N, C-alpha and C. Protein backbone atom coordinates (compact mmCIF):
# COMPACT_ATOMS: atom_id res chain seq x y z
N MET A 1 -171.70 -87.32 -98.90
CA MET A 1 -172.47 -88.46 -98.39
C MET A 1 -171.56 -89.08 -97.24
N THR A 2 -172.26 -89.47 -96.22
CA THR A 2 -171.63 -89.85 -95.02
C THR A 2 -171.13 -91.31 -95.22
N ASP A 3 -170.23 -91.65 -94.34
CA ASP A 3 -169.66 -92.97 -94.31
C ASP A 3 -170.61 -93.97 -93.98
N ARG A 4 -171.08 -94.92 -95.01
CA ARG A 4 -172.26 -95.79 -94.71
C ARG A 4 -171.71 -97.14 -94.05
N THR A 5 -171.45 -97.15 -92.63
CA THR A 5 -170.53 -98.30 -92.12
C THR A 5 -171.21 -98.62 -90.83
N ALA A 6 -171.11 -99.69 -90.34
CA ALA A 6 -171.60 -100.08 -89.09
C ALA A 6 -170.84 -101.47 -88.63
N SER A 7 -170.84 -101.68 -87.40
CA SER A 7 -170.23 -102.91 -87.00
C SER A 7 -170.70 -103.20 -85.63
N THR A 8 -170.79 -104.39 -85.15
CA THR A 8 -171.45 -104.86 -83.91
C THR A 8 -170.97 -106.10 -83.34
N THR A 9 -171.31 -106.50 -82.03
CA THR A 9 -170.96 -107.83 -81.57
C THR A 9 -172.35 -108.36 -80.80
N ARG A 10 -172.84 -109.54 -81.15
CA ARG A 10 -173.93 -110.18 -80.63
C ARG A 10 -173.86 -111.27 -80.05
N THR A 11 -174.21 -111.63 -78.75
CA THR A 11 -173.86 -112.87 -78.13
C THR A 11 -175.02 -113.31 -77.33
N THR A 12 -175.45 -114.71 -77.81
CA THR A 12 -176.68 -115.29 -77.07
C THR A 12 -176.12 -116.62 -76.70
N LYS A 13 -176.95 -117.44 -75.85
CA LYS A 13 -176.62 -118.74 -75.33
C LYS A 13 -176.42 -119.85 -76.60
N GLU A 14 -176.92 -119.08 -77.98
CA GLU A 14 -176.64 -120.12 -78.98
C GLU A 14 -175.76 -119.75 -79.89
N THR A 15 -175.38 -118.38 -80.07
CA THR A 15 -174.16 -117.93 -81.04
C THR A 15 -173.46 -116.76 -80.47
N ALA A 16 -172.42 -116.54 -81.15
CA ALA A 16 -171.56 -115.31 -80.83
C ALA A 16 -171.07 -114.56 -82.16
N ILE A 17 -171.57 -113.57 -82.63
CA ILE A 17 -171.26 -113.04 -83.82
C ILE A 17 -170.53 -111.73 -83.76
N THR A 18 -169.60 -111.47 -84.52
CA THR A 18 -168.75 -110.09 -84.65
C THR A 18 -168.80 -109.87 -86.07
N ALA A 19 -169.50 -108.62 -86.40
CA ALA A 19 -169.45 -108.37 -87.84
C ALA A 19 -169.39 -106.94 -88.12
N SER A 20 -169.17 -106.46 -89.46
CA SER A 20 -169.00 -105.12 -89.79
C SER A 20 -169.55 -105.09 -91.40
N LEU A 21 -169.89 -104.01 -91.52
CA LEU A 21 -170.28 -103.77 -93.02
C LEU A 21 -170.23 -102.40 -93.42
N GLN A 22 -169.81 -102.52 -94.69
CA GLN A 22 -169.47 -100.91 -95.28
C GLN A 22 -170.23 -101.13 -96.66
N ILE A 23 -171.41 -100.10 -96.81
CA ILE A 23 -172.27 -100.36 -98.05
C ILE A 23 -171.41 -100.12 -99.18
N ASP A 24 -170.78 -99.00 -99.28
CA ASP A 24 -169.95 -98.39 -100.10
C ASP A 24 -168.55 -98.95 -100.33
N GLY A 25 -168.10 -99.94 -100.46
CA GLY A 25 -166.96 -100.73 -100.34
C GLY A 25 -166.56 -101.24 -101.84
N THR A 26 -165.64 -102.39 -101.62
CA THR A 26 -165.01 -102.85 -102.99
C THR A 26 -165.70 -104.27 -103.04
N GLY A 27 -166.29 -104.92 -102.25
CA GLY A 27 -166.78 -106.18 -102.37
C GLY A 27 -165.58 -107.13 -101.47
N LYS A 28 -164.90 -106.62 -100.58
CA LYS A 28 -163.97 -107.49 -100.05
C LYS A 28 -164.71 -108.18 -98.77
N THR A 29 -164.47 -109.37 -98.60
CA THR A 29 -165.15 -110.09 -97.43
C THR A 29 -164.18 -110.89 -96.82
N GLU A 30 -164.48 -111.03 -95.40
CA GLU A 30 -163.89 -111.84 -94.55
C GLU A 30 -164.96 -112.66 -93.78
N ILE A 31 -165.15 -114.17 -93.98
CA ILE A 31 -166.27 -114.76 -93.55
C ILE A 31 -166.08 -116.00 -92.94
N SER A 32 -166.36 -116.28 -91.58
CA SER A 32 -166.08 -117.55 -91.17
C SER A 32 -167.29 -117.80 -90.10
N THR A 33 -168.14 -118.71 -90.49
CA THR A 33 -169.45 -119.25 -89.74
C THR A 33 -169.30 -120.74 -89.28
N GLY A 34 -168.42 -121.38 -89.79
CA GLY A 34 -168.29 -122.76 -89.48
C GLY A 34 -169.05 -123.59 -90.52
N LEU A 35 -169.60 -122.90 -91.46
CA LEU A 35 -170.59 -123.51 -92.47
C LEU A 35 -169.92 -123.13 -93.80
N PRO A 36 -169.06 -123.79 -94.31
CA PRO A 36 -168.47 -123.53 -95.51
C PRO A 36 -169.30 -123.02 -96.87
N PHE A 37 -170.36 -123.71 -96.94
CA PHE A 37 -171.31 -123.26 -97.94
C PHE A 37 -171.94 -121.89 -97.74
N PHE A 38 -172.33 -121.80 -96.57
CA PHE A 38 -172.78 -120.44 -96.06
C PHE A 38 -171.93 -119.26 -96.08
N ASP A 39 -170.72 -119.48 -95.83
CA ASP A 39 -169.52 -118.83 -96.07
C ASP A 39 -169.50 -118.07 -97.52
N HIS A 40 -169.67 -119.27 -98.35
CA HIS A 40 -169.60 -119.09 -99.88
C HIS A 40 -170.63 -118.03 -100.39
N MET A 41 -171.95 -118.31 -99.71
CA MET A 41 -173.13 -117.40 -99.98
C MET A 41 -172.95 -116.04 -99.35
N LEU A 42 -172.41 -115.85 -98.15
CA LEU A 42 -172.31 -114.61 -97.77
C LEU A 42 -171.26 -113.86 -98.62
N ASP A 43 -170.16 -114.51 -99.15
CA ASP A 43 -169.08 -114.07 -99.73
C ASP A 43 -169.81 -113.39 -101.22
N GLN A 44 -170.66 -114.16 -101.72
CA GLN A 44 -171.62 -113.58 -102.70
C GLN A 44 -172.27 -112.36 -102.53
N LEU A 45 -172.69 -112.21 -101.29
CA LEU A 45 -173.49 -111.18 -100.94
C LEU A 45 -172.69 -109.89 -100.79
N GLY A 46 -171.31 -109.92 -100.18
CA GLY A 46 -170.57 -108.87 -100.25
C GLY A 46 -170.14 -108.51 -101.53
N ARG A 47 -169.56 -109.54 -102.27
CA ARG A 47 -168.76 -109.32 -103.52
C ARG A 47 -169.84 -108.51 -104.66
N HIS A 48 -171.14 -109.35 -104.88
CA HIS A 48 -172.04 -108.90 -105.68
C HIS A 48 -172.87 -107.59 -105.12
N GLY A 49 -172.86 -107.33 -103.96
CA GLY A 49 -173.35 -106.21 -103.42
C GLY A 49 -172.57 -105.08 -103.30
N GLY A 50 -171.26 -105.09 -103.81
CA GLY A 50 -170.33 -104.10 -103.58
C GLY A 50 -170.05 -103.52 -102.26
N MET A 51 -170.17 -104.55 -101.19
CA MET A 51 -170.04 -104.13 -99.90
C MET A 51 -168.83 -104.82 -99.20
N ASP A 52 -168.21 -104.02 -98.20
CA ASP A 52 -167.08 -104.77 -97.53
C ASP A 52 -167.94 -105.45 -96.25
N LEU A 53 -167.69 -106.60 -96.20
CA LEU A 53 -168.51 -107.41 -95.18
C LEU A 53 -167.24 -108.35 -94.48
N GLN A 54 -167.51 -108.41 -92.99
CA GLN A 54 -166.80 -109.20 -92.20
C GLN A 54 -167.70 -109.92 -91.21
N VAL A 55 -167.70 -111.12 -91.23
CA VAL A 55 -168.53 -111.81 -90.30
C VAL A 55 -167.78 -112.97 -89.71
N ALA A 56 -167.76 -113.03 -88.44
CA ALA A 56 -167.09 -114.10 -87.55
C ALA A 56 -168.13 -114.56 -86.80
N ALA A 57 -168.58 -115.85 -86.75
CA ALA A 57 -169.78 -116.33 -86.01
C ALA A 57 -169.40 -117.85 -85.64
N THR A 58 -169.70 -117.85 -84.31
CA THR A 58 -169.56 -119.41 -83.82
C THR A 58 -170.95 -119.62 -83.02
N GLY A 59 -171.16 -121.04 -82.96
CA GLY A 59 -172.64 -121.45 -82.55
C GLY A 59 -172.66 -122.67 -82.34
N ASP A 60 -173.90 -123.20 -82.13
CA ASP A 60 -174.28 -124.59 -81.83
C ASP A 60 -174.51 -125.44 -82.87
N LEU A 61 -173.32 -125.51 -83.65
CA LEU A 61 -173.67 -126.35 -85.09
C LEU A 61 -173.84 -127.75 -84.66
N HIS A 62 -173.72 -128.29 -83.35
CA HIS A 62 -173.47 -129.58 -83.15
C HIS A 62 -175.24 -129.94 -82.88
N VAL A 63 -175.90 -128.84 -82.72
CA VAL A 63 -177.32 -129.04 -82.66
C VAL A 63 -177.92 -128.94 -83.79
N ASP A 64 -177.72 -127.75 -84.61
CA ASP A 64 -178.35 -127.60 -85.87
C ASP A 64 -177.68 -126.20 -86.47
N ALA A 65 -177.75 -125.94 -87.80
CA ALA A 65 -177.22 -124.74 -88.38
C ALA A 65 -178.13 -123.58 -88.22
N HIS A 66 -179.39 -123.85 -87.95
CA HIS A 66 -180.39 -122.96 -87.93
C HIS A 66 -179.97 -121.63 -87.17
N HIS A 67 -179.63 -121.93 -85.93
CA HIS A 67 -179.40 -120.74 -84.84
C HIS A 67 -178.29 -119.76 -85.66
N CYS A 68 -177.11 -120.38 -86.29
CA CYS A 68 -176.23 -119.49 -86.76
C CYS A 68 -176.67 -118.72 -87.92
N VAL A 69 -177.39 -119.57 -88.86
CA VAL A 69 -177.75 -118.88 -90.00
C VAL A 69 -178.79 -117.62 -89.79
N GLU A 70 -179.77 -117.99 -89.12
CA GLU A 70 -180.72 -116.99 -88.60
C GLU A 70 -180.28 -115.55 -87.88
N ASP A 71 -179.28 -116.03 -86.89
CA ASP A 71 -178.55 -115.07 -86.28
C ASP A 71 -177.73 -114.02 -87.06
N VAL A 72 -177.05 -114.68 -88.03
CA VAL A 72 -176.36 -114.05 -88.74
C VAL A 72 -177.15 -112.92 -89.57
N GLY A 73 -178.28 -113.55 -90.06
CA GLY A 73 -179.15 -112.76 -90.93
C GLY A 73 -179.69 -111.35 -90.02
N ILE A 74 -180.04 -111.95 -88.65
CA ILE A 74 -180.28 -110.59 -88.04
C ILE A 74 -179.39 -109.64 -87.66
N VAL A 75 -177.96 -110.05 -87.48
CA VAL A 75 -176.97 -109.09 -87.28
C VAL A 75 -176.74 -108.28 -88.67
N LEU A 76 -176.64 -108.95 -89.53
CA LEU A 76 -176.38 -108.20 -90.96
C LEU A 76 -177.68 -107.26 -91.17
N GLY A 77 -178.73 -107.65 -90.93
CA GLY A 77 -179.83 -106.85 -91.35
C GLY A 77 -179.96 -105.58 -90.37
N GLU A 78 -179.29 -105.83 -89.16
CA GLU A 78 -179.21 -104.71 -88.21
C GLU A 78 -178.15 -103.69 -88.69
N LEU A 79 -177.07 -104.31 -89.09
CA LEU A 79 -176.11 -103.59 -89.28
C LEU A 79 -176.44 -102.52 -90.77
N LEU A 80 -177.02 -103.25 -91.64
CA LEU A 80 -177.33 -102.52 -92.81
C LEU A 80 -178.39 -101.18 -92.51
N LYS A 81 -179.35 -101.68 -91.80
CA LYS A 81 -180.28 -100.53 -91.06
C LYS A 81 -179.36 -99.48 -90.56
N GLN A 82 -178.42 -99.68 -89.78
CA GLN A 82 -177.66 -98.63 -89.13
C GLN A 82 -176.86 -97.85 -90.19
N ALA A 83 -176.16 -98.64 -91.04
CA ALA A 83 -175.32 -97.94 -91.97
C ALA A 83 -176.01 -97.43 -93.08
N MET A 84 -177.34 -97.57 -93.37
CA MET A 84 -178.13 -96.83 -94.27
C MET A 84 -178.25 -95.49 -94.13
N GLY A 85 -178.48 -95.19 -92.56
CA GLY A 85 -178.68 -93.77 -92.10
C GLY A 85 -179.93 -93.25 -92.38
N ASP A 86 -179.88 -91.94 -92.92
CA ASP A 86 -181.22 -91.45 -93.23
C ASP A 86 -181.84 -91.78 -94.61
N LYS A 87 -181.09 -92.38 -95.52
CA LYS A 87 -181.41 -92.92 -96.69
C LYS A 87 -181.94 -91.96 -97.89
N VAL A 88 -181.23 -90.55 -97.41
CA VAL A 88 -181.31 -89.51 -98.48
C VAL A 88 -180.85 -89.69 -99.68
N GLY A 89 -181.46 -89.72 -100.78
CA GLY A 89 -180.87 -89.68 -102.01
C GLY A 89 -180.84 -91.21 -102.67
N ILE A 90 -181.07 -92.16 -102.00
CA ILE A 90 -181.00 -93.42 -102.42
C ILE A 90 -182.21 -93.80 -103.68
N SER A 91 -181.79 -94.87 -104.53
CA SER A 91 -182.78 -95.25 -105.31
C SER A 91 -184.10 -96.01 -104.86
N ARG A 92 -184.01 -96.70 -103.68
CA ARG A 92 -184.95 -97.13 -102.81
C ARG A 92 -185.42 -98.47 -103.66
N TYR A 93 -185.85 -98.45 -104.98
CA TYR A 93 -186.42 -99.71 -105.68
C TYR A 93 -185.29 -100.38 -106.60
N ALA A 94 -185.63 -101.50 -106.50
CA ALA A 94 -184.52 -102.29 -107.29
C ALA A 94 -185.08 -103.67 -107.80
N ASN A 95 -184.72 -104.13 -108.96
CA ASN A 95 -185.23 -105.47 -109.48
C ASN A 95 -184.22 -106.01 -110.29
N ARG A 96 -183.80 -107.44 -109.76
CA ARG A 96 -182.73 -107.86 -110.58
C ARG A 96 -183.07 -109.51 -110.61
N THR A 97 -182.73 -109.92 -112.00
CA THR A 97 -182.96 -111.46 -112.24
C THR A 97 -181.68 -112.09 -112.66
N VAL A 98 -181.33 -112.90 -111.92
CA VAL A 98 -179.69 -113.42 -112.23
C VAL A 98 -179.79 -114.79 -112.42
N PRO A 99 -179.19 -115.43 -113.46
CA PRO A 99 -179.07 -116.80 -113.97
C PRO A 99 -177.83 -117.49 -113.31
N LEU A 100 -177.98 -118.71 -113.24
CA LEU A 100 -176.65 -119.57 -112.66
C LEU A 100 -176.84 -120.91 -113.50
N ASP A 101 -176.40 -121.06 -114.75
CA ASP A 101 -176.84 -122.28 -115.49
C ASP A 101 -178.30 -122.29 -115.61
N GLU A 102 -178.86 -123.41 -115.10
CA GLU A 102 -180.34 -123.71 -115.50
C GLU A 102 -181.10 -123.00 -114.52
N ALA A 103 -180.57 -122.43 -113.59
CA ALA A 103 -181.18 -121.74 -112.47
C ALA A 103 -181.42 -120.02 -112.74
N LEU A 104 -182.71 -119.53 -112.42
CA LEU A 104 -182.92 -118.08 -112.71
C LEU A 104 -183.81 -117.85 -111.49
N VAL A 105 -183.25 -116.89 -110.82
CA VAL A 105 -183.85 -116.27 -109.57
C VAL A 105 -184.10 -114.70 -109.77
N GLU A 106 -185.40 -114.17 -109.50
CA GLU A 106 -185.50 -112.99 -109.51
C GLU A 106 -185.90 -112.24 -107.97
N VAL A 107 -185.27 -111.23 -107.96
CA VAL A 107 -185.33 -110.33 -106.66
C VAL A 107 -186.11 -109.00 -106.75
N ILE A 108 -187.00 -108.49 -106.10
CA ILE A 108 -187.60 -107.19 -106.14
C ILE A 108 -187.45 -106.51 -104.73
N LEU A 109 -186.76 -105.51 -104.70
CA LEU A 109 -186.75 -105.02 -103.31
C LEU A 109 -187.06 -103.59 -103.35
N ASP A 110 -187.75 -103.09 -102.20
CA ASP A 110 -188.01 -101.73 -101.74
C ASP A 110 -187.43 -101.36 -100.28
N VAL A 111 -186.52 -100.56 -100.20
CA VAL A 111 -185.88 -100.00 -98.90
C VAL A 111 -187.16 -99.13 -98.36
N SER A 112 -188.11 -99.88 -97.79
CA SER A 112 -189.41 -99.17 -97.24
C SER A 112 -189.52 -98.66 -95.89
N GLY A 113 -188.62 -99.38 -95.22
CA GLY A 113 -188.69 -99.17 -93.68
C GLY A 113 -189.79 -100.29 -93.20
N ARG A 114 -190.52 -100.90 -94.18
CA ARG A 114 -191.73 -101.92 -93.77
C ARG A 114 -191.07 -103.13 -93.96
N PRO A 115 -191.00 -104.12 -93.12
CA PRO A 115 -190.45 -105.40 -93.21
C PRO A 115 -191.43 -106.28 -93.73
N PHE A 116 -191.05 -106.85 -94.93
CA PHE A 116 -192.01 -107.89 -95.47
C PHE A 116 -191.07 -108.90 -96.51
N LEU A 117 -191.43 -110.24 -96.44
CA LEU A 117 -190.55 -111.02 -97.23
C LEU A 117 -191.88 -112.02 -98.02
N ASP A 118 -191.75 -111.85 -99.12
CA ASP A 118 -192.47 -113.12 -100.02
C ASP A 118 -191.47 -113.89 -100.51
N TYR A 119 -191.28 -115.28 -100.43
CA TYR A 119 -190.21 -116.05 -100.57
C TYR A 119 -190.81 -117.14 -101.53
N ASP A 120 -190.59 -117.37 -102.68
CA ASP A 120 -191.20 -118.42 -103.69
C ASP A 120 -190.16 -119.10 -104.14
N ILE A 121 -189.39 -119.71 -103.28
CA ILE A 121 -188.35 -120.77 -103.58
C ILE A 121 -188.28 -121.81 -102.81
N HIS A 122 -188.65 -123.07 -103.40
CA HIS A 122 -189.01 -124.21 -102.46
C HIS A 122 -188.08 -125.26 -102.86
N PHE A 123 -187.71 -126.08 -101.68
CA PHE A 123 -187.00 -127.38 -101.80
C PHE A 123 -187.55 -128.40 -101.17
N ALA A 124 -187.57 -129.60 -101.59
CA ALA A 124 -188.18 -130.90 -101.07
C ALA A 124 -187.66 -131.00 -99.60
N PRO A 125 -188.43 -131.31 -98.48
CA PRO A 125 -187.93 -131.44 -97.14
C PRO A 125 -186.67 -132.34 -96.99
N ASP A 126 -186.58 -133.38 -98.16
CA ASP A 126 -185.38 -134.35 -98.09
C ASP A 126 -184.14 -133.88 -98.71
N THR A 127 -184.26 -132.49 -99.30
CA THR A 127 -183.12 -132.36 -99.99
C THR A 127 -181.75 -132.11 -99.23
N PRO A 128 -180.78 -132.84 -99.92
CA PRO A 128 -179.53 -132.80 -98.90
C PRO A 128 -178.84 -131.58 -98.78
N GLY A 129 -178.27 -131.42 -97.58
CA GLY A 129 -177.49 -130.43 -97.40
C GLY A 129 -176.45 -130.07 -98.24
N LEU A 130 -175.58 -128.94 -98.16
CA LEU A 130 -174.75 -128.40 -98.98
C LEU A 130 -173.49 -128.29 -98.14
N GLY A 131 -172.46 -128.77 -98.59
CA GLY A 131 -171.14 -128.58 -97.65
C GLY A 131 -170.90 -129.38 -96.58
N ASN A 132 -170.06 -129.27 -95.74
CA ASN A 132 -169.69 -130.10 -94.53
C ASN A 132 -169.11 -129.09 -93.36
N PRO A 133 -169.67 -128.98 -92.25
CA PRO A 133 -171.15 -129.43 -92.13
C PRO A 133 -172.13 -128.88 -92.97
N PRO A 134 -173.33 -129.55 -93.18
CA PRO A 134 -174.20 -129.28 -94.25
C PRO A 134 -175.07 -127.97 -93.94
N PHE A 135 -175.31 -127.24 -95.02
CA PHE A 135 -176.03 -126.13 -94.91
C PHE A 135 -177.43 -126.56 -95.59
N ASP A 136 -178.45 -126.74 -94.83
CA ASP A 136 -179.88 -126.95 -95.29
C ASP A 136 -180.20 -125.93 -96.13
N PRO A 137 -180.88 -126.17 -97.43
CA PRO A 137 -181.16 -125.11 -98.29
C PRO A 137 -182.52 -124.52 -98.03
N GLN A 138 -183.38 -125.20 -96.96
CA GLN A 138 -184.44 -124.54 -96.39
C GLN A 138 -184.01 -123.19 -95.44
N LEU A 139 -182.71 -123.33 -95.30
CA LEU A 139 -182.20 -122.11 -94.19
C LEU A 139 -181.98 -121.00 -95.13
N THR A 140 -182.09 -121.00 -96.38
CA THR A 140 -181.99 -119.70 -97.26
C THR A 140 -183.21 -118.71 -96.90
N GLU A 141 -184.21 -119.32 -96.62
CA GLU A 141 -185.35 -118.60 -96.34
C GLU A 141 -185.31 -118.01 -95.05
N GLU A 142 -184.76 -118.69 -94.12
CA GLU A 142 -184.64 -118.27 -92.67
C GLU A 142 -183.65 -117.16 -92.59
N PHE A 143 -182.60 -117.24 -93.38
CA PHE A 143 -181.71 -116.01 -93.50
C PHE A 143 -182.28 -114.86 -94.05
N PHE A 144 -182.92 -114.85 -95.11
CA PHE A 144 -183.50 -113.69 -95.84
C PHE A 144 -184.71 -113.27 -95.00
N ARG A 145 -185.43 -113.99 -94.22
CA ARG A 145 -186.42 -113.34 -93.47
C ARG A 145 -185.81 -112.58 -92.35
N ALA A 146 -184.89 -113.12 -91.48
CA ALA A 146 -184.02 -112.56 -90.60
C ALA A 146 -183.40 -111.31 -91.10
N PHE A 147 -182.92 -111.20 -92.17
CA PHE A 147 -182.14 -110.07 -92.79
C PHE A 147 -183.22 -108.94 -93.01
N VAL A 148 -184.24 -109.28 -93.88
CA VAL A 148 -185.22 -108.43 -94.18
C VAL A 148 -185.88 -107.71 -93.11
N VAL A 149 -186.28 -108.59 -92.13
CA VAL A 149 -187.05 -107.79 -91.06
C VAL A 149 -186.29 -106.95 -90.23
N ALA A 150 -184.90 -107.30 -90.08
CA ALA A 150 -183.97 -106.50 -89.28
C ALA A 150 -183.74 -105.38 -89.92
N ALA A 151 -183.57 -105.23 -91.26
CA ALA A 151 -183.11 -104.19 -92.03
C ALA A 151 -184.27 -103.39 -92.21
N GLY A 152 -185.57 -103.81 -92.39
CA GLY A 152 -186.65 -102.99 -92.65
C GLY A 152 -186.98 -102.85 -94.17
N LEU A 153 -186.81 -104.01 -94.86
CA LEU A 153 -186.96 -104.15 -96.27
C LEU A 153 -188.14 -104.87 -96.77
N THR A 154 -188.71 -104.55 -98.02
CA THR A 154 -189.68 -105.38 -98.42
C THR A 154 -189.04 -106.13 -99.59
N ALA A 155 -189.03 -107.37 -99.67
CA ALA A 155 -188.35 -108.17 -100.66
C ALA A 155 -189.35 -109.34 -101.07
N HIS A 156 -189.18 -109.35 -102.40
CA HIS A 156 -190.05 -110.51 -103.08
C HIS A 156 -188.82 -111.37 -103.81
N LEU A 157 -188.69 -112.65 -103.57
CA LEU A 157 -187.66 -113.38 -103.92
C LEU A 157 -188.50 -114.66 -104.76
N THR A 158 -188.26 -114.79 -105.91
CA THR A 158 -188.98 -115.81 -106.86
C THR A 158 -188.07 -116.68 -107.58
N MET A 159 -188.12 -118.02 -107.57
CA MET A 159 -187.29 -118.85 -108.60
C MET A 159 -188.25 -118.90 -109.82
N ARG A 160 -187.57 -118.53 -110.81
CA ARG A 160 -188.26 -118.67 -112.32
C ARG A 160 -187.77 -120.07 -112.68
N LYS A 161 -186.79 -120.63 -112.65
CA LYS A 161 -186.37 -121.76 -113.32
C LYS A 161 -185.25 -122.22 -112.22
N GLY A 162 -185.14 -123.44 -112.20
CA GLY A 162 -184.03 -124.03 -111.50
C GLY A 162 -184.33 -125.60 -111.06
N LYS A 163 -183.05 -126.44 -111.21
CA LYS A 163 -183.16 -127.64 -110.73
C LYS A 163 -181.95 -128.07 -109.85
N ASN A 164 -181.03 -127.60 -109.80
CA ASN A 164 -179.68 -127.75 -108.93
C ASN A 164 -179.83 -126.85 -107.84
N THR A 165 -179.96 -127.69 -106.54
CA THR A 165 -179.92 -126.85 -105.34
C THR A 165 -178.88 -125.88 -105.30
N HIS A 166 -177.72 -126.10 -105.34
CA HIS A 166 -176.62 -125.12 -105.37
C HIS A 166 -176.67 -124.05 -106.27
N HIS A 167 -177.06 -124.25 -107.38
CA HIS A 167 -177.42 -123.24 -108.26
C HIS A 167 -178.47 -122.12 -107.96
N ILE A 168 -179.62 -122.83 -107.44
CA ILE A 168 -180.63 -122.20 -106.97
C ILE A 168 -180.21 -121.16 -105.80
N VAL A 169 -179.87 -121.74 -104.97
CA VAL A 169 -179.38 -121.06 -103.71
C VAL A 169 -178.39 -119.72 -103.88
N GLU A 170 -177.34 -119.96 -104.65
CA GLU A 170 -176.27 -119.03 -105.21
C GLU A 170 -176.93 -118.11 -106.09
N ALA A 171 -177.72 -118.09 -106.93
CA ALA A 171 -178.38 -117.37 -107.78
C ALA A 171 -179.38 -116.29 -106.83
N THR A 172 -180.09 -117.00 -105.89
CA THR A 172 -180.76 -116.06 -104.89
C THR A 172 -179.90 -115.06 -104.33
N PHE A 173 -178.83 -115.52 -103.65
CA PHE A 173 -177.94 -114.74 -102.92
C PHE A 173 -177.32 -113.57 -104.05
N LYS A 174 -176.94 -113.93 -105.15
CA LYS A 174 -176.35 -112.86 -106.15
C LYS A 174 -177.39 -112.03 -106.54
N ALA A 175 -178.54 -112.59 -106.75
CA ALA A 175 -179.71 -111.61 -107.36
C ALA A 175 -180.19 -110.54 -106.04
N PHE A 176 -180.08 -111.08 -105.18
CA PHE A 176 -180.46 -110.14 -103.76
C PHE A 176 -179.35 -109.24 -103.64
N ALA A 177 -178.26 -109.58 -103.77
CA ALA A 177 -176.72 -108.62 -103.56
C ALA A 177 -176.90 -107.66 -104.72
N ARG A 178 -177.30 -107.82 -106.18
CA ARG A 178 -177.40 -106.89 -107.07
C ARG A 178 -178.47 -105.88 -106.82
N ALA A 179 -179.42 -106.56 -106.35
CA ALA A 179 -180.80 -105.64 -106.27
C ALA A 179 -180.56 -104.58 -104.95
N LEU A 180 -179.96 -105.11 -104.03
CA LEU A 180 -179.50 -104.38 -102.73
C LEU A 180 -178.72 -103.32 -103.17
N ARG A 181 -177.66 -103.61 -104.03
CA ARG A 181 -176.49 -102.36 -104.38
C ARG A 181 -177.40 -101.53 -105.08
N ASP A 182 -178.26 -101.94 -106.22
CA ASP A 182 -178.90 -100.97 -106.99
C ASP A 182 -179.92 -99.97 -106.20
N ALA A 183 -180.65 -100.63 -105.19
CA ALA A 183 -181.57 -99.83 -104.37
C ALA A 183 -180.76 -98.95 -103.35
N LEU A 184 -179.69 -99.11 -102.99
CA LEU A 184 -179.06 -98.24 -102.19
C LEU A 184 -178.03 -97.27 -102.76
N THR A 185 -178.02 -97.43 -104.21
CA THR A 185 -177.19 -96.31 -104.97
C THR A 185 -177.72 -94.96 -104.72
N VAL A 186 -176.94 -94.15 -104.24
CA VAL A 186 -177.39 -92.63 -104.26
C VAL A 186 -177.43 -91.89 -105.53
N THR A 187 -178.55 -91.61 -105.82
CA THR A 187 -178.75 -90.97 -107.11
C THR A 187 -179.38 -89.78 -107.09
N GLY A 188 -179.69 -89.06 -105.96
CA GLY A 188 -180.16 -87.67 -105.87
C GLY A 188 -180.09 -87.21 -104.47
N THR A 189 -180.88 -86.09 -103.94
CA THR A 189 -180.60 -85.52 -102.94
C THR A 189 -181.88 -85.38 -101.94
N LEU A 190 -182.80 -86.21 -102.32
CA LEU A 190 -184.13 -86.01 -101.60
C LEU A 190 -184.41 -87.52 -101.06
N LEU A 191 -184.97 -87.50 -100.12
CA LEU A 191 -185.51 -88.89 -99.68
C LEU A 191 -186.63 -89.31 -100.59
N PRO A 192 -186.61 -90.43 -101.02
CA PRO A 192 -187.48 -90.99 -101.96
C PRO A 192 -188.85 -91.60 -101.36
N SER A 193 -189.39 -90.63 -100.82
CA SER A 193 -190.76 -90.94 -99.94
C SER A 193 -191.66 -89.70 -99.88
N THR A 194 -192.99 -90.14 -100.26
CA THR A 194 -193.73 -88.67 -100.10
C THR A 194 -194.17 -88.48 -98.53
N LYS A 195 -193.99 -89.38 -97.96
CA LYS A 195 -194.36 -89.53 -96.27
C LYS A 195 -193.26 -88.73 -95.58
N GLY A 196 -192.05 -88.42 -96.21
CA GLY A 196 -191.04 -87.90 -95.61
C GLY A 196 -190.04 -88.55 -94.71
N THR A 197 -190.49 -89.99 -94.76
CA THR A 197 -189.68 -91.04 -93.74
C THR A 197 -189.55 -92.39 -94.38
N LEU A 198 -188.58 -93.11 -94.35
CA LEU A 198 -188.56 -94.44 -94.78
C LEU A 198 -188.14 -95.19 -93.59
């Protein structure tokens, strides 16, 4: 199996991001985005996904956290797409349902090459942000949309139960990470597609 790693630097007028990703890692992470709660969620993505993940991001947090969160999603999705390589032998499909106390979130993935996100996790517009500076829970959808589109994944994220905002968001990241880990596990020697491409 090839070394499934990738790294990049992306700079715009709104953000500057340096990141690296190793799919077959040990869950080691080094995360700094200026948003402590988002750092915590990316740590969950790496640890529960079994990926080594490094992210250093700066951006216009004085304006809003949106640019930073979305751009990190784009960068990590692009890195994952690059690191996956030809996808030969991967499981491709995965389904994980993860609880965190009263919250229960289901994530279904297809490493399809066709970007699609169905996101059925909703928060009231006036839901308080998490951490300081605050992470608006609505940005969870923006992160996963950016990630899925850039990586070429089909993903269905559904909240089955939940009341506590922190628990719901964290269960979402953990379920996504676990499903991604399962989907990218190499279990054979053939490309799992009748089309001959993913």
